[in-house]
Amino acid sequence: MIKEKLEAIFRDIFDDDSIVLTDSTNSSDISDWDSLAHIQLITAIEDSFGIKFTLGEAVSAENVGEFINIIEGKLEK
């Protein structure tokens, strides 16, 4: 469920319905994933899941698997 929601967010942010996420998907796999897009992703993920990333989490999340781990941890609390 988390990965599917993330995929919808990524498709919206990057305006690309062909994006298919794996745990290892990172900024080198999506050409428009730059620092601004990263901030947009963080904001969209926070809104969608009703969570807040710490600055450290937002900066350290480098691939989809790390995003999923952080989200799972926050949803368990």
PDB file of N, CA and C in Angstrom:
ATOM      1  N   MET A   1       0.809  -1.193   0.000  1.00  0.00           N
ATOM      2  CA  MET A   1       0.000   0.000   0.000  1.00  0.00           C
ATOM      3  C   MET A   1       0.855   1.262   0.000  1.00  0.00           C
ATOM      4  N   ILE A   2       1.913   1.294   0.796  1.00  0.00           N
ATOM      5  CA  ILE A   2       2.777   2.473   0.862  1.00  0.00           C
ATOM      6  C   ILE A   2       3.425   2.713  -0.491  1.00  0.00           C
ATOM      7  N   LYS A   3       3.956   1.648  -1.093  1.00  0.00           N
ATOM      8  CA  LYS A   3       4.637   1.814  -2.375  1.00  0.00           C
ATOM      9  C   LYS A   3       3.673   2.317  -3.451  1.00  0.00           C
ATOM     10  N   GLU A   4       2.434   1.836  -3.430  1.00  0.00           N
ATOM     11  CA  GLU A   4       1.458   2.273  -4.419  1.00  0.00           C
ATOM     12  C   GLU A   4       1.134   3.754  -4.247  1.00  0.00           C
ATOM     13  N   LYS A   5       0.984   4.201  -2.986  1.00  0.00           N
ATOM     14  CA  LYS A   5       0.732   5.622  -2.739  1.00  0.00           C
ATOM     15  C   LYS A   5       1.931   6.457  -3.174  1.00  0.00           C
ATOM     16  N   LEU A   6       3.135   5.964  -2.874  1.00  0.00           N
ATOM     17  CA  LEU A   6       4.343   6.679  -3.288  1.00  0.00           C
ATOM     18  C   LEU A   6       4.424   6.777  -4.803  1.00  0.00           C
ATOM     19  N   GLU A   7       4.088   5.702  -5.481  1.00  0.00           N
ATOM     20  CA  GLU A   7       4.134   5.700  -6.942  1.00  0.00           C
ATOM     21  C   GLU A   7       3.192   6.771  -7.505  1.00  0.00           C
ATOM     22  N   ALA A   8       2.013   6.895  -6.924  1.00  0.00           N
ATOM     23  CA  ALA A   8       1.069   7.922  -7.368  1.00  0.00           C
ATOM     24  C   ALA A   8       1.642   9.320  -7.125  1.00  0.00           C
ATOM     25  N   ILE A   9       2.304   9.504  -5.987  1.00  0.00           N
ATOM     26  CA  ILE A   9       2.922  10.800  -5.677  1.00  0.00           C
ATOM     27  C   ILE A   9       4.031  11.105  -6.670  1.00  0.00           C
ATOM     28  N   PHE A  10       4.902  10.135  -6.920  1.00  0.00           N
ATOM     29  CA  PHE A  10       6.003  10.338  -7.867  1.00  0.00           C
ATOM     30  C   PHE A  10       5.457  10.660  -9.258  1.00  0.00           C
ATOM     31  N   ARG A  11       4.435   9.940  -9.689  1.00  0.00           N
ATOM     32  CA  ARG A  11       3.854  10.176 -11.013  1.00  0.00           C
ATOM     33  C   ARG A  11       3.284  11.585 -11.100  1.00  0.00           C
ATOM     34  N   ASP A  12       2.685  12.056 -10.010  1.00  0.00           N
ATOM     35  CA  ASP A  12       2.126  13.404  -9.990  1.00  0.00           C
ATOM     36  C   ASP A  12       3.228  14.460  -9.997  1.00  0.00           C
ATOM     37  N   ILE A  13       4.214  14.327  -9.124  1.00  0.00           N
ATOM     38  CA  ILE A  13       5.289  15.314  -9.014  1.00  0.00           C
ATOM     39  C   ILE A  13       6.068  15.422 -10.321  1.00  0.00           C
ATOM     40  N   PHE A  14       6.363  14.285 -10.930  1.00  0.00           N
ATOM     41  CA  PHE A  14       7.179  14.280 -12.149  1.00  0.00           C
ATOM     42  C   PHE A  14       6.342  14.258 -13.422  1.00  0.00           C
ATOM     43  N   ASP A  15       5.020  14.289 -13.268  1.00  0.00           N
ATOM     44  CA  ASP A  15       4.098  14.307 -14.407  1.00  0.00           C
ATOM     45  C   ASP A  15       4.447  13.210 -15.418  1.00  0.00           C
ATOM     46  N   ASP A  16       4.605  11.991 -14.887  1.00  0.00           N
ATOM     47  CA  ASP A  16       5.018  10.857 -15.714  1.00  0.00           C
ATOM     48  C   ASP A  16       4.303   9.594 -15.225  1.00  0.00           C
ATOM     49  N   ASP A  17       3.262   9.196 -15.955  1.00  0.00           N
ATOM     50  CA  ASP A  17       2.484   8.023 -15.564  1.00  0.00           C
ATOM     51  C   ASP A  17       3.202   6.697 -15.814  1.00  0.00           C
ATOM     52  N   SER A  18       4.378   6.740 -16.416  1.00  0.00           N
ATOM     53  CA  SER A  18       5.107   5.503 -16.689  1.00  0.00           C
ATOM     54  C   SER A  18       6.053   5.118 -15.548  1.00  0.00           C
ATOM     55  N   ILE A  19       6.164   5.950 -14.521  1.00  0.00           N
ATOM     56  CA  ILE A  19       7.077   5.654 -13.410  1.00  0.00           C
ATOM     57  C   ILE A  19       6.592   4.414 -12.657  1.00  0.00           C
ATOM     58  N   VAL A  20       7.512   3.456 -12.497  1.00  0.00           N
ATOM     59  CA  VAL A  20       7.275   2.258 -11.697  1.00  0.00           C
ATOM     60  C   VAL A  20       8.397   2.206 -10.675  1.00  0.00           C
ATOM     61  N   LEU A  21       8.034   2.262  -9.404  1.00  0.00           N
ATOM     62  CA  LEU A  21       9.026   2.330  -8.337  1.00  0.00           C
ATOM     63  C   LEU A  21       9.466   0.952  -7.861  1.00  0.00           C
ATOM     64  N   THR A  22      10.743   0.875  -7.520  1.00  0.00           N
ATOM     65  CA  THR A  22      11.301  -0.263  -6.796  1.00  0.00           C
ATOM     66  C   THR A  22      11.953   0.314  -5.549  1.00  0.00           C
ATOM     67  N   ASP A  23      12.338  -0.543  -4.624  1.00  0.00           N
ATOM     68  CA  ASP A  23      12.995  -0.045  -3.411  1.00  0.00           C
ATOM     69  C   ASP A  23      14.281   0.709  -3.729  1.00  0.00           C
ATOM     70  N   SER A  24      14.928   0.367  -4.812  1.00  0.00           N
ATOM     71  CA  SER A  24      16.211   1.004  -5.135  1.00  0.00           C
ATOM     72  C   SER A  24      16.081   2.223  -6.043  1.00  0.00           C
ATOM     73  N   THR A  25      14.862   2.576  -6.457  1.00  0.00           N
ATOM     74  CA  THR A  25      14.681   3.755  -7.303  1.00  0.00           C
ATOM     75  C   THR A  25      15.227   4.979  -6.580  1.00  0.00           C
ATOM     76  N   ASN A  26      16.100   5.724  -7.273  1.00  0.00           N
ATOM     77  CA  ASN A  26      16.685   6.924  -6.673  1.00  0.00           C
ATOM     78  C   ASN A  26      16.760   8.044  -7.706  1.00  0.00           C
ATOM     79  N   SER A  27      17.390   9.138  -7.334  1.00  0.00           N
ATOM     80  CA  SER A  27      17.405  10.324  -8.191  1.00  0.00           C
ATOM     81  C   SER A  27      18.114  10.097  -9.522  1.00  0.00           C
ATOM     82  N   SER A  28      19.005   9.143  -9.602  1.00  0.00           N
ATOM     83  CA  SER A  28      19.667   8.884 -10.880  1.00  0.00           C
ATOM     84  C   SER A  28      18.756   8.124 -11.847  1.00  0.00           C
ATOM     85  N   ASP A  29      17.673   7.544 -11.322  1.00  0.00           N
ATOM     86  CA  ASP A  29      16.724   6.808 -12.166  1.00  0.00           C
ATOM     87  C   ASP A  29      15.643   7.705 -12.758  1.00  0.00           C
ATOM     88  N   ILE A  30      15.426   8.876 -12.161  1.00  0.00           N
ATOM     89  CA  ILE A  30      14.390   9.806 -12.616  1.00  0.00           C
ATOM     90  C   ILE A  30      15.073  11.131 -12.912  1.00  0.00           C
ATOM     91  N   SER A  31      15.147  11.475 -14.183  1.00  0.00           N
ATOM     92  CA  SER A  31      15.972  12.610 -14.609  1.00  0.00           C
ATOM     93  C   SER A  31      15.601  13.936 -13.954  1.00  0.00           C
ATOM     94  N   ASP A  32      14.339  14.156 -13.631  1.00  0.00           N
ATOM     95  CA  ASP A  32      13.931  15.438 -13.047  1.00  0.00           C
ATOM     96  C   ASP A  32      14.001  15.475 -11.521  1.00  0.00           C
ATOM     97  N   TRP A  33      14.498  14.403 -10.907  1.00  0.00           N
ATOM     98  CA  TRP A  33      14.578  14.347  -9.446  1.00  0.00           C
ATOM     99  C   TRP A  33      15.805  15.124  -8.991  1.00  0.00           C
ATOM    100  N   ASP A  34      15.600  16.410  -8.744  1.00  0.00           N
ATOM    101  CA  ASP A  34      16.662  17.270  -8.244  1.00  0.00           C
ATOM    102  C   ASP A  34      16.290  17.714  -6.829  1.00  0.00           C
ATOM    103  N   SER A  35      17.033  18.674  -6.285  1.00  0.00           N
ATOM    104  CA  SER A  35      16.786  19.079  -4.896  1.00  0.00           C
ATOM    105  C   SER A  35      15.406  19.711  -4.720  1.00  0.00           C
ATOM    106  N   LEU A  36      14.942  20.468  -5.693  1.00  0.00           N
ATOM    107  CA  LEU A  36      13.606  21.058  -5.603  1.00  0.00           C
ATOM    108  C   LEU A  36      12.529  19.974  -5.655  1.00  0.00           C
ATOM    109  N   ALA A  37      12.683  19.031  -6.562  1.00  0.00           N
ATOM    110  CA  ALA A  37      11.726  17.925  -6.656  1.00  0.00           C
ATOM    111  C   ALA A  37      11.742  17.100  -5.367  1.00  0.00           C
ATOM    112  N   HIS A  38      12.906  16.959  -4.745  1.00  0.00           N
ATOM    113  CA  HIS A  38      13.015  16.209  -3.493  1.00  0.00           C
ATOM    114  C   HIS A  38      12.159  16.878  -2.412  1.00  0.00           C
ATOM    115  N   ILE A  39      12.230  18.202  -2.340  1.00  0.00           N
ATOM    116  CA  ILE A  39      11.423  18.940  -1.366  1.00  0.00           C
ATOM    117  C   ILE A  39       9.935  18.763  -1.676  1.00  0.00           C
ATOM    118  N   GLN A  40       9.577  18.813  -2.953  1.00  0.00           N
ATOM    119  CA  GLN A  40       8.186  18.606  -3.344  1.00  0.00           C
ATOM    120  C   GLN A  40       7.715  17.197  -2.963  1.00  0.00           C
ATOM    121  N   LEU A  41       8.575  16.216  -3.165  1.00  0.00           N
ATOM    122  CA  LEU A  41       8.248  14.841  -2.777  1.00  0.00           C
ATOM    123  C   LEU A  41       8.010  14.736  -1.276  1.00  0.00           C
ATOM    124  N   ILE A  42       8.914  15.300  -0.488  1.00  0.00           N
ATOM    125  CA  ILE A  42       8.793  15.256   0.967  1.00  0.00           C
ATOM    126  C   ILE A  42       7.460  15.861   1.397  1.00  0.00           C
ATOM    127  N   THR A  43       7.147  17.032   0.865  1.00  0.00           N
ATOM    128  CA  THR A  43       5.907  17.715   1.224  1.00  0.00           C
ATOM    129  C   THR A  43       4.681  16.892   0.832  1.00  0.00           C
ATOM    130  N   ALA A  44       4.691  16.342  -0.377  1.00  0.00           N
ATOM    131  CA  ALA A  44       3.560  15.538  -0.850  1.00  0.00           C
ATOM    132  C   ALA A  44       3.408  14.257  -0.026  1.00  0.00           C
ATOM    133  N   ILE A  45       4.520  13.635   0.334  1.00  0.00           N
ATOM    134  CA  ILE A  45       4.478  12.417   1.147  1.00  0.00           C
ATOM    135  C   ILE A  45       3.930  12.742   2.536  1.00  0.00           C
ATOM    136  N   GLU A  46       4.410  13.830   3.125  1.00  0.00           N
ATOM    137  CA  GLU A  46       3.910  14.230   4.442  1.00  0.00           C
ATOM    138  C   GLU A  46       2.402  14.456   4.410  1.00  0.00           C
ATOM    139  N   ASP A  47       1.935  15.173   3.393  1.00  0.00           N
ATOM    140  CA  ASP A  47       0.503  15.455   3.276  1.00  0.00           C
ATOM    141  C   ASP A  47      -0.303  14.171   3.065  1.00  0.00           C
ATOM    142  N   SER A  48       0.186  13.296   2.197  1.00  0.00           N
ATOM    143  CA  SER A  48      -0.544  12.089   1.848  1.00  0.00           C
ATOM    144  C   SER A  48      -0.650  11.109   3.016  1.00  0.00           C
ATOM    145  N   PHE A  49       0.425  10.985   3.792  1.00  0.00           N
ATOM    146  CA  PHE A  49       0.463  10.007   4.875  1.00  0.00           C
ATOM    147  C   PHE A  49       0.171  10.615   6.248  1.00  0.00           C
ATOM    148  N   GLY A  50       0.051  11.948   6.320  1.00  0.00           N
ATOM    149  CA  GLY A  50      -0.215  12.598   7.601  1.00  0.00           C
ATOM    150  C   GLY A  50       0.934  12.477   8.574  1.00  0.00           C
ATOM    151  N   ILE A  51       2.164  12.591   8.053  1.00  0.00           N
ATOM    152  CA  ILE A  51       3.371  12.475   8.880  1.00  0.00           C
ATOM    153  C   ILE A  51       4.248  13.699   8.659  1.00  0.00           C
ATOM    154  N   LYS A  52       5.302  13.820   9.464  1.00  0.00           N
ATOM    155  CA  LYS A  52       6.299  14.868   9.282  1.00  0.00           C
ATOM    156  C   LYS A  52       7.681  14.235   9.320  1.00  0.00           C
ATOM    157  N   PHE A  53       8.496  14.576   8.325  1.00  0.00           N
ATOM    158  CA  PHE A  53       9.885  14.136   8.310  1.00  0.00           C
ATOM    159  C   PHE A  53      10.718  15.096   9.144  1.00  0.00           C
ATOM    160  N   THR A  54      11.724  14.580   9.835  1.00  0.00           N
ATOM    161  CA  THR A  54      12.718  15.454  10.442  1.00  0.00           C
ATOM    162  C   THR A  54      13.633  15.920   9.318  1.00  0.00           C
ATOM    163  N   LEU A  55      14.398  16.969   9.570  1.00  0.00           N
ATOM    164  CA  LEU A  55      15.332  17.451   8.556  1.00  0.00           C
ATOM    165  C   LEU A  55      16.317  16.351   8.176  1.00  0.00           C
ATOM    166  N   GLY A  56      16.804  15.618   9.167  1.00  0.00           N
ATOM    167  CA  GLY A  56      17.739  14.523   8.907  1.00  0.00           C
ATOM    168  C   GLY A  56      17.149  13.440   8.031  1.00  0.00           C
ATOM    169  N   GLU A  57      15.897  13.093   8.291  1.00  0.00           N
ATOM    170  CA  GLU A  57      15.227  12.075   7.481  1.00  0.00           C
ATOM    171  C   GLU A  57      15.031  12.567   6.047  1.00  0.00           C
ATOM    172  N   ALA A  58      14.624  13.820   5.916  1.00  0.00           N
ATOM    173  CA  ALA A  58      14.369  14.383   4.587  1.00  0.00           C
ATOM    174  C   ALA A  58      15.636  14.417   3.748  1.00  0.00           C
ATOM    175  N   VAL A  59      16.750  14.714   4.382  1.00  0.00           N
ATOM    176  CA  VAL A  59      18.024  14.808   3.664  1.00  0.00           C
ATOM    177  C   VAL A  59      18.612  13.430   3.387  1.00  0.00           C
ATOM    178  N   SER A  60      18.429  12.491   4.326  1.00  0.00           N
ATOM    179  CA  SER A  60      19.095  11.192   4.189  1.00  0.00           C
ATOM    180  C   SER A  60      18.358  10.210   3.287  1.00  0.00           C
ATOM    181  N   ALA A  61      17.073  10.421   3.059  1.00  0.00           N
ATOM    182  CA  ALA A  61      16.305   9.489   2.222  1.00  0.00           C
ATOM    183  C   ALA A  61      16.759   9.621   0.772  1.00  0.00           C
ATOM    184  N   GLU A  62      17.478   8.615   0.294  1.00  0.00           N
ATOM    185  CA  GLU A  62      18.058   8.689  -1.040  1.00  0.00           C
ATOM    186  C   GLU A  62      17.396   7.772  -2.049  1.00  0.00           C
ATOM    187  N   ASN A  63      16.539   6.864  -1.575  1.00  0.00           N
ATOM    188  CA  ASN A  63      15.832   5.992  -2.513  1.00  0.00           C
ATOM    189  C   ASN A  63      14.456   5.644  -1.953  1.00  0.00           C
ATOM    190  N   VAL A  64      13.663   5.007  -2.747  1.00  0.00           N
ATOM    191  CA  VAL A  64      12.281   4.702  -2.372  1.00  0.00           C
ATOM    192  C   VAL A  64      12.231   3.777  -1.153  1.00  0.00           C
ATOM    193  N   GLY A  65      13.122   2.819  -1.088  1.00  0.00           N
ATOM    194  CA  GLY A  65      13.156   1.911   0.058  1.00  0.00           C
ATOM    195  C   GLY A  65      13.360   2.654   1.366  1.00  0.00           C
ATOM    196  N   GLU A  66      14.217   3.673   1.363  1.00  0.00           N
ATOM    197  CA  GLU A  66      14.446   4.459   2.572  1.00  0.00           C
ATOM    198  C   GLU A  66      13.204   5.271   2.929  1.00  0.00           C
ATOM    199  N   PHE A  67      12.529   5.830   1.909  1.00  0.00           N
ATOM    200  CA  PHE A  67      11.269   6.527   2.169  1.00  0.00           C
ATOM    201  C   PHE A  67      10.265   5.572   2.821  1.00  0.00           C
ATOM    202  N   ILE A  68      10.153   4.373   2.289  1.00  0.00           N
ATOM    203  CA  ILE A  68       9.196   3.391   2.825  1.00  0.00           C
ATOM    204  C   ILE A  68       9.527   3.060   4.278  1.00  0.00           C
ATOM    205  N   ASN A  69      10.798   2.849   4.577  1.00  0.00           N
ATOM    206  CA  ASN A  69      11.204   2.528   5.952  1.00  0.00           C
ATOM    207  C   ASN A  69      10.844   3.657   6.911  1.00  0.00           C
ATOM    208  N   ILE A  70      11.092   4.897   6.494  1.00  0.00           N
ATOM    209  CA  ILE A  70      10.780   6.042   7.350  1.00  0.00           C
ATOM    210  C   ILE A  70       9.269   6.145   7.557  1.00  0.00           C
ATOM    211  N   ILE A  71       8.513   6.016   6.467  1.00  0.00           N
ATOM    212  CA  ILE A  71       7.045   6.101   6.558  1.00  0.00           C
ATOM    213  C   ILE A  71       6.500   5.010   7.467  1.00  0.00           C
ATOM    214  N   GLU A  72       6.958   3.766   7.276  1.00  0.00           N
ATOM    215  CA  GLU A  72       6.493   2.647   8.108  1.00  0.00           C
ATOM    216  C   GLU A  72       6.766   2.937   9.578  1.00  0.00           C
ATOM    217  N   GLY A  73       7.954   3.444   9.874  1.00  0.00           N
ATOM    218  CA  GLY A  73       8.310   3.754  11.254  1.00  0.00           C
ATOM    219  C   GLY A  73       7.399   4.809  11.864  1.00  0.00           C
ATOM    220  N   LYS A  74       7.073   5.806  11.087  1.00  0.00           N
ATOM    221  CA  LYS A  74       6.205   6.880  11.588  1.00  0.00           C
ATOM    222  C   LYS A  74       4.757   6.432  11.728  1.00  0.00           C
ATOM    223  N   LEU A  75       4.288   5.566  10.836  1.00  0.00           N
ATOM    224  CA  LEU A  75       2.912   5.099  10.909  1.00  0.00           C
ATOM    225  C   LEU A  75       2.702   4.125  12.065  1.00  0.00           C
ATOM    226  N   GLU A  76       3.768   3.461  12.502  1.00  0.00           N
ATOM    227  CA  GLU A  76       3.666   2.515  13.608  1.00  0.00           C
ATOM    228  C   GLU A  76       3.520   3.214  14.944  1.00  0.00           C
ATOM    229  N   LYS A  77       3.907   4.480  15.012  1.00  0.00           N
ATOM    230  CA  LYS A  77       3.879   5.229  16.282  1.00  0.00           C
ATOM    231  C   LYS A  77       2.490   5.673  16.629  1.00  0.00           C
TER     232      LYS A  77
END
